[in-house]
Amino acid sequence: MGCYLDDLCLEPVNRLDALDPLRVAARAEGQERLSEHMRIWRPKAIVVAMVAIAENVARAAREAGLEDVQEHVLPFPGRKADRERYVAELVTLVTGFEAAGVLLRGGRQRSQPA
């Protein structure tokens, strides 16, 4: 359907304090890699599945020349309340993406009305 899932950090950093230099460095490194992937993939929409990394993802998008691509930030679905909100918001987003022809069907993007 033309969707990609990419982790900002290849190794888990959740055990580190939010301001730990190792965590900050891992996110910065991941931001560069994510920007390279975005240049290749050229997404029509970006969904961030964790509020804490939204700025890293936004910078990666800008570095990839995608500043006009709309970003949607969802909570990480680790806790029950966040999971319910995540699922509800993701369903709404995917439904909107389908209606707008953003998602691929059968390997091709649906044509947009003129």
N, C-alpha and C. Protein backbone atom coordinates (compact mmCIF):
# COMPACT_ATOMS: atom_id res chain seq x y z
N MET A 1 0.82 -1.21 0.00
CA MET A 1 0.00 0.00 0.00
C MET A 1 0.85 1.27 0.00
N GLY A 2 2.17 1.10 -0.12
CA GLY A 2 3.04 2.26 -0.16
C GLY A 2 3.36 2.82 1.22
N CYS A 3 3.22 2.02 2.25
CA CYS A 3 3.54 2.46 3.61
C CYS A 3 4.87 1.85 4.04
N TYR A 4 5.61 2.61 4.81
CA TYR A 4 6.90 2.16 5.31
C TYR A 4 6.94 2.40 6.81
N LEU A 5 7.52 1.47 7.54
CA LEU A 5 7.73 1.62 8.97
C LEU A 5 9.23 1.67 9.20
N ASP A 6 9.67 2.73 9.86
CA ASP A 6 11.10 2.90 10.08
C ASP A 6 11.31 3.34 11.52
N ASP A 7 12.19 2.65 12.24
CA ASP A 7 12.54 3.05 13.60
C ASP A 7 13.55 4.17 13.54
N LEU A 8 13.37 5.17 14.38
CA LEU A 8 14.34 6.25 14.44
C LEU A 8 15.68 5.73 14.96
N CYS A 9 15.63 4.88 15.98
CA CYS A 9 16.84 4.32 16.56
C CYS A 9 16.86 2.81 16.32
N LEU A 10 17.97 2.32 15.80
CA LEU A 10 18.07 0.90 15.50
C LEU A 10 18.23 0.05 16.76
N GLU A 11 18.76 0.65 17.81
CA GLU A 11 18.89 -0.03 19.11
C GLU A 11 17.96 0.68 20.10
N PRO A 12 17.31 -0.06 20.99
CA PRO A 12 16.41 0.57 21.97
C PRO A 12 17.14 1.59 22.84
N VAL A 13 16.51 2.74 23.05
CA VAL A 13 17.07 3.77 23.91
C VAL A 13 16.12 4.12 25.06
N ASN A 14 15.00 3.43 25.14
CA ASN A 14 14.00 3.76 26.15
C ASN A 14 14.49 3.53 27.58
N ARG A 15 15.53 2.76 27.77
CA ARG A 15 16.07 2.53 29.11
C ARG A 15 16.94 3.70 29.57
N LEU A 16 17.30 4.59 28.65
CA LEU A 16 18.15 5.74 28.96
C LEU A 16 17.29 6.94 29.33
N ASP A 17 17.83 7.79 30.19
CA ASP A 17 17.17 9.03 30.57
C ASP A 17 16.96 9.89 29.32
N ALA A 18 15.88 10.66 29.32
CA ALA A 18 15.54 11.48 28.15
C ALA A 18 16.67 12.40 27.71
N LEU A 19 17.47 12.89 28.63
CA LEU A 19 18.55 13.82 28.27
C LEU A 19 19.92 13.15 28.23
N ASP A 20 19.94 11.83 28.34
CA ASP A 20 21.21 11.10 28.29
C ASP A 20 21.87 11.36 26.93
N PRO A 21 23.16 11.75 26.92
CA PRO A 21 23.84 12.03 25.66
C PRO A 21 23.81 10.86 24.67
N LEU A 22 23.81 9.64 25.16
CA LEU A 22 23.73 8.48 24.26
C LEU A 22 22.38 8.43 23.56
N ARG A 23 21.31 8.75 24.28
CA ARG A 23 19.97 8.76 23.69
C ARG A 23 19.85 9.87 22.65
N VAL A 24 20.33 11.04 23.02
CA VAL A 24 20.29 12.19 22.11
C VAL A 24 21.10 11.89 20.85
N ALA A 25 22.27 11.30 21.01
CA ALA A 25 23.13 10.97 19.86
C ALA A 25 22.48 9.91 18.98
N ALA A 26 21.86 8.90 19.59
CA ALA A 26 21.20 7.85 18.80
C ALA A 26 20.06 8.42 17.98
N ARG A 27 19.31 9.33 18.57
CA ARG A 27 18.20 9.95 17.82
C ARG A 27 18.72 10.83 16.70
N ALA A 28 19.81 11.56 16.94
CA ALA A 28 20.39 12.39 15.89
C ALA A 28 20.91 11.53 14.74
N GLU A 29 21.57 10.43 15.07
CA GLU A 29 22.06 9.51 14.04
C GLU A 29 20.89 8.92 13.25
N GLY A 30 19.85 8.53 13.97
CA GLY A 30 18.67 7.97 13.32
C GLY A 30 17.98 8.99 12.44
N GLN A 31 18.02 10.24 12.84
CA GLN A 31 17.42 11.31 12.05
C GLN A 31 18.08 11.41 10.68
N GLU A 32 19.40 11.31 10.65
CA GLU A 32 20.12 11.36 9.37
C GLU A 32 19.73 10.19 8.48
N ARG A 33 19.67 8.99 9.05
CA ARG A 33 19.30 7.79 8.29
C ARG A 33 17.86 7.89 7.79
N LEU A 34 16.97 8.38 8.67
CA LEU A 34 15.57 8.54 8.29
C LEU A 34 15.43 9.54 7.13
N SER A 35 16.20 10.60 7.18
CA SER A 35 16.17 11.59 6.10
C SER A 35 16.57 10.96 4.77
N GLU A 36 17.59 10.11 4.80
CA GLU A 36 18.00 9.41 3.57
C GLU A 36 16.87 8.52 3.05
N HIS A 37 16.22 7.79 3.94
CA HIS A 37 15.11 6.94 3.52
C HIS A 37 13.97 7.76 2.95
N MET A 38 13.67 8.89 3.58
CA MET A 38 12.58 9.76 3.09
C MET A 38 12.88 10.29 1.70
N ARG A 39 14.16 10.59 1.43
CA ARG A 39 14.52 11.07 0.09
C ARG A 39 14.20 10.01 -0.96
N ILE A 40 14.42 8.76 -0.60
CA ILE A 40 14.16 7.65 -1.52
C ILE A 40 12.66 7.39 -1.64
N TRP A 41 11.98 7.32 -0.51
CA TRP A 41 10.57 6.93 -0.50
C TRP A 41 9.62 8.05 -0.95
N ARG A 42 10.00 9.31 -0.72
CA ARG A 42 9.16 10.46 -1.08
C ARG A 42 7.72 10.29 -0.58
N PRO A 43 7.52 10.17 0.74
CA PRO A 43 6.17 9.94 1.27
C PRO A 43 5.22 11.10 1.00
N LYS A 44 3.96 10.77 0.87
CA LYS A 44 2.91 11.77 0.68
C LYS A 44 2.33 12.20 2.03
N ALA A 45 2.60 11.42 3.07
CA ALA A 45 2.19 11.74 4.44
C ALA A 45 3.17 11.04 5.38
N ILE A 46 3.33 11.61 6.56
CA ILE A 46 4.22 11.04 7.57
C ILE A 46 3.43 10.88 8.85
N VAL A 47 3.49 9.69 9.42
CA VAL A 47 2.84 9.42 10.71
C VAL A 47 3.94 9.07 11.71
N VAL A 48 4.02 9.84 12.76
CA VAL A 48 5.02 9.63 13.80
C VAL A 48 4.33 8.92 14.96
N ALA A 49 4.87 7.76 15.34
CA ALA A 49 4.24 6.97 16.39
C ALA A 49 4.95 7.14 17.73
N MET A 50 5.21 8.38 18.09
CA MET A 50 5.77 8.69 19.40
C MET A 50 5.99 10.19 19.48
N VAL A 51 5.32 10.84 20.39
CA VAL A 51 5.38 12.29 20.51
C VAL A 51 6.82 12.77 20.73
N ALA A 52 7.59 12.04 21.53
CA ALA A 52 8.94 12.47 21.90
C ALA A 52 9.91 12.56 20.72
N ILE A 53 9.62 11.90 19.61
CA ILE A 53 10.54 11.95 18.47
C ILE A 53 10.00 12.80 17.33
N ALA A 54 8.90 13.48 17.55
CA ALA A 54 8.26 14.27 16.49
C ALA A 54 9.21 15.30 15.89
N GLU A 55 9.98 15.97 16.74
CA GLU A 55 10.89 17.00 16.21
C GLU A 55 12.02 16.37 15.40
N ASN A 56 12.52 15.21 15.81
CA ASN A 56 13.55 14.52 15.02
C ASN A 56 13.00 14.16 13.64
N VAL A 57 11.79 13.67 13.60
CA VAL A 57 11.17 13.27 12.33
C VAL A 57 10.92 14.50 11.47
N ALA A 58 10.47 15.59 12.08
CA ALA A 58 10.24 16.83 11.33
C ALA A 58 11.54 17.35 10.71
N ARG A 59 12.63 17.29 11.48
CA ARG A 59 13.93 17.72 10.93
C ARG A 59 14.37 16.81 9.79
N ALA A 60 14.16 15.50 9.96
CA ALA A 60 14.53 14.56 8.89
C ALA A 60 13.73 14.87 7.63
N ALA A 61 12.46 15.18 7.78
CA ALA A 61 11.62 15.50 6.62
C ALA A 61 12.12 16.78 5.94
N ARG A 62 12.47 17.78 6.73
CA ARG A 62 12.99 19.03 6.14
C ARG A 62 14.31 18.76 5.41
N GLU A 63 15.19 17.97 6.03
CA GLU A 63 16.47 17.64 5.40
C GLU A 63 16.27 16.87 4.09
N ALA A 64 15.17 16.14 3.99
CA ALA A 64 14.87 15.37 2.78
C ALA A 64 14.11 16.20 1.76
N GLY A 65 13.85 17.47 2.07
CA GLY A 65 13.12 18.33 1.15
C GLY A 65 11.62 18.09 1.17
N LEU A 66 11.11 17.60 2.29
CA LEU A 66 9.70 17.26 2.40
C LEU A 66 8.96 18.18 3.38
N GLU A 67 9.37 19.43 3.46
CA GLU A 67 8.74 20.33 4.42
C GLU A 67 7.25 20.57 4.15
N ASP A 68 6.78 20.30 2.94
CA ASP A 68 5.36 20.48 2.62
C ASP A 68 4.51 19.24 2.90
N VAL A 69 5.14 18.13 3.28
CA VAL A 69 4.41 16.90 3.57
C VAL A 69 3.84 16.99 4.98
N GLN A 70 2.55 16.75 5.07
CA GLN A 70 1.89 16.83 6.37
C GLN A 70 2.33 15.70 7.28
N GLU A 71 2.62 16.06 8.54
CA GLU A 71 3.01 15.08 9.53
C GLU A 71 1.91 14.94 10.57
N HIS A 72 1.68 13.72 10.98
CA HIS A 72 0.67 13.41 11.99
C HIS A 72 1.39 12.72 13.14
N VAL A 73 1.19 13.19 14.35
CA VAL A 73 1.88 12.64 15.51
C VAL A 73 0.89 11.91 16.40
N LEU A 74 1.18 10.64 16.64
CA LEU A 74 0.35 9.80 17.49
C LEU A 74 1.13 9.42 18.75
N PRO A 75 0.41 9.10 19.84
CA PRO A 75 1.12 8.64 21.03
C PRO A 75 1.67 7.24 20.81
N PHE A 76 2.77 6.92 21.49
CA PHE A 76 3.29 5.56 21.42
C PHE A 76 2.29 4.64 22.12
N PRO A 77 1.91 3.53 21.48
CA PRO A 77 0.83 2.70 22.02
C PRO A 77 1.25 1.71 23.12
N GLY A 78 2.14 2.13 24.01
CA GLY A 78 2.63 1.22 25.05
C GLY A 78 1.65 1.00 26.20
N ARG A 79 0.92 2.03 26.57
CA ARG A 79 -0.07 1.91 27.65
C ARG A 79 -1.46 1.79 27.06
N LYS A 80 -2.37 1.18 27.80
CA LYS A 80 -3.71 0.89 27.28
C LYS A 80 -4.41 2.16 26.76
N ALA A 81 -4.41 3.22 27.54
CA ALA A 81 -5.08 4.45 27.12
C ALA A 81 -4.44 5.01 25.85
N ASP A 82 -3.10 4.98 25.79
CA ASP A 82 -2.41 5.47 24.59
C ASP A 82 -2.68 4.55 23.40
N ARG A 83 -2.76 3.26 23.65
CA ARG A 83 -3.01 2.29 22.57
C ARG A 83 -4.39 2.53 21.96
N GLU A 84 -5.39 2.76 22.80
CA GLU A 84 -6.74 3.02 22.30
C GLU A 84 -6.78 4.30 21.47
N ARG A 85 -6.12 5.34 21.96
CA ARG A 85 -6.06 6.60 21.21
C ARG A 85 -5.28 6.42 19.91
N TYR A 86 -4.16 5.70 19.98
CA TYR A 86 -3.33 5.44 18.80
C TYR A 86 -4.15 4.73 17.72
N VAL A 87 -4.84 3.67 18.10
CA VAL A 87 -5.62 2.90 17.12
C VAL A 87 -6.73 3.77 16.53
N ALA A 88 -7.45 4.49 17.36
CA ALA A 88 -8.54 5.33 16.86
C ALA A 88 -8.04 6.39 15.90
N GLU A 89 -6.94 7.06 16.26
CA GLU A 89 -6.40 8.11 15.40
C GLU A 89 -5.79 7.53 14.12
N LEU A 90 -5.15 6.38 14.22
CA LEU A 90 -4.57 5.75 13.03
C LEU A 90 -5.66 5.31 12.06
N VAL A 91 -6.75 4.77 12.57
CA VAL A 91 -7.87 4.38 11.71
C VAL A 91 -8.40 5.60 10.97
N THR A 92 -8.54 6.71 11.68
CA THR A 92 -9.02 7.94 11.04
C THR A 92 -8.05 8.40 9.96
N LEU A 93 -6.76 8.36 10.25
CA LEU A 93 -5.77 8.78 9.26
C LEU A 93 -5.79 7.88 8.03
N VAL A 94 -5.78 6.56 8.24
CA VAL A 94 -5.75 5.63 7.10
C VAL A 94 -7.00 5.79 6.25
N THR A 95 -8.14 5.97 6.89
CA THR A 95 -9.38 6.19 6.15
C THR A 95 -9.26 7.45 5.29
N GLY A 96 -8.70 8.51 5.86
CA GLY A 96 -8.49 9.74 5.10
C GLY A 96 -7.49 9.56 3.98
N PHE A 97 -6.43 8.80 4.25
CA PHE A 97 -5.44 8.53 3.21
C PHE A 97 -6.06 7.75 2.06
N GLU A 98 -6.90 6.77 2.38
CA GLU A 98 -7.58 5.99 1.34
C GLU A 98 -8.48 6.90 0.49
N ALA A 99 -9.25 7.76 1.15
CA ALA A 99 -10.17 8.65 0.43
C ALA A 99 -9.42 9.64 -0.45
N ALA A 100 -8.23 10.06 -0.01
CA ALA A 100 -7.45 11.04 -0.76
C ALA A 100 -6.57 10.40 -1.84
N GLY A 101 -6.56 9.06 -1.90
CA GLY A 101 -5.75 8.39 -2.90
C GLY A 101 -4.27 8.37 -2.57
N VAL A 102 -3.93 8.56 -1.30
CA VAL A 102 -2.53 8.57 -0.90
C VAL A 102 -1.94 7.16 -0.89
N LEU A 103 -2.75 6.18 -0.52
CA LEU A 103 -2.27 4.80 -0.43
C LEU A 103 -2.26 4.13 -1.80
N LEU A 104 -1.34 3.21 -1.98
CA LEU A 104 -1.24 2.47 -3.23
C LEU A 104 -2.20 1.29 -3.22
N ARG A 105 -2.79 1.03 -4.33
CA ARG A 105 -3.66 -0.14 -4.50
C ARG A 105 -3.18 -0.89 -5.73
N GLY A 106 -2.90 -2.16 -5.60
CA GLY A 106 -2.45 -2.95 -6.74
C GLY A 106 -1.16 -2.42 -7.35
N GLY A 107 -0.30 -1.80 -6.51
CA GLY A 107 0.98 -1.32 -7.00
C GLY A 107 0.94 0.05 -7.65
N ARG A 108 -0.26 0.67 -7.72
CA ARG A 108 -0.36 1.99 -8.33
C ARG A 108 -1.15 2.92 -7.42
N GLN A 109 -0.82 4.17 -7.50
CA GLN A 109 -1.56 5.15 -6.74
C GLN A 109 -2.82 5.51 -7.51
N ARG A 110 -3.91 5.67 -6.76
CA ARG A 110 -5.15 6.06 -7.43
C ARG A 110 -4.99 7.46 -7.98
N SER A 111 -5.61 7.70 -9.11
CA SER A 111 -5.49 9.02 -9.72
C SER A 111 -6.33 10.02 -8.92
N GLN A 112 -5.82 11.23 -8.86
CA GLN A 112 -6.50 12.31 -8.14
C GLN A 112 -7.47 13.00 -9.09
N PRO A 113 -8.65 13.36 -8.59
CA PRO A 113 -9.58 14.12 -9.44
C PRO A 113 -9.00 15.50 -9.75
N ALA A 114 -9.27 16.00 -10.93
CA ALA A 114 -8.74 17.30 -11.35
C ALA A 114 -9.50 18.44 -10.74
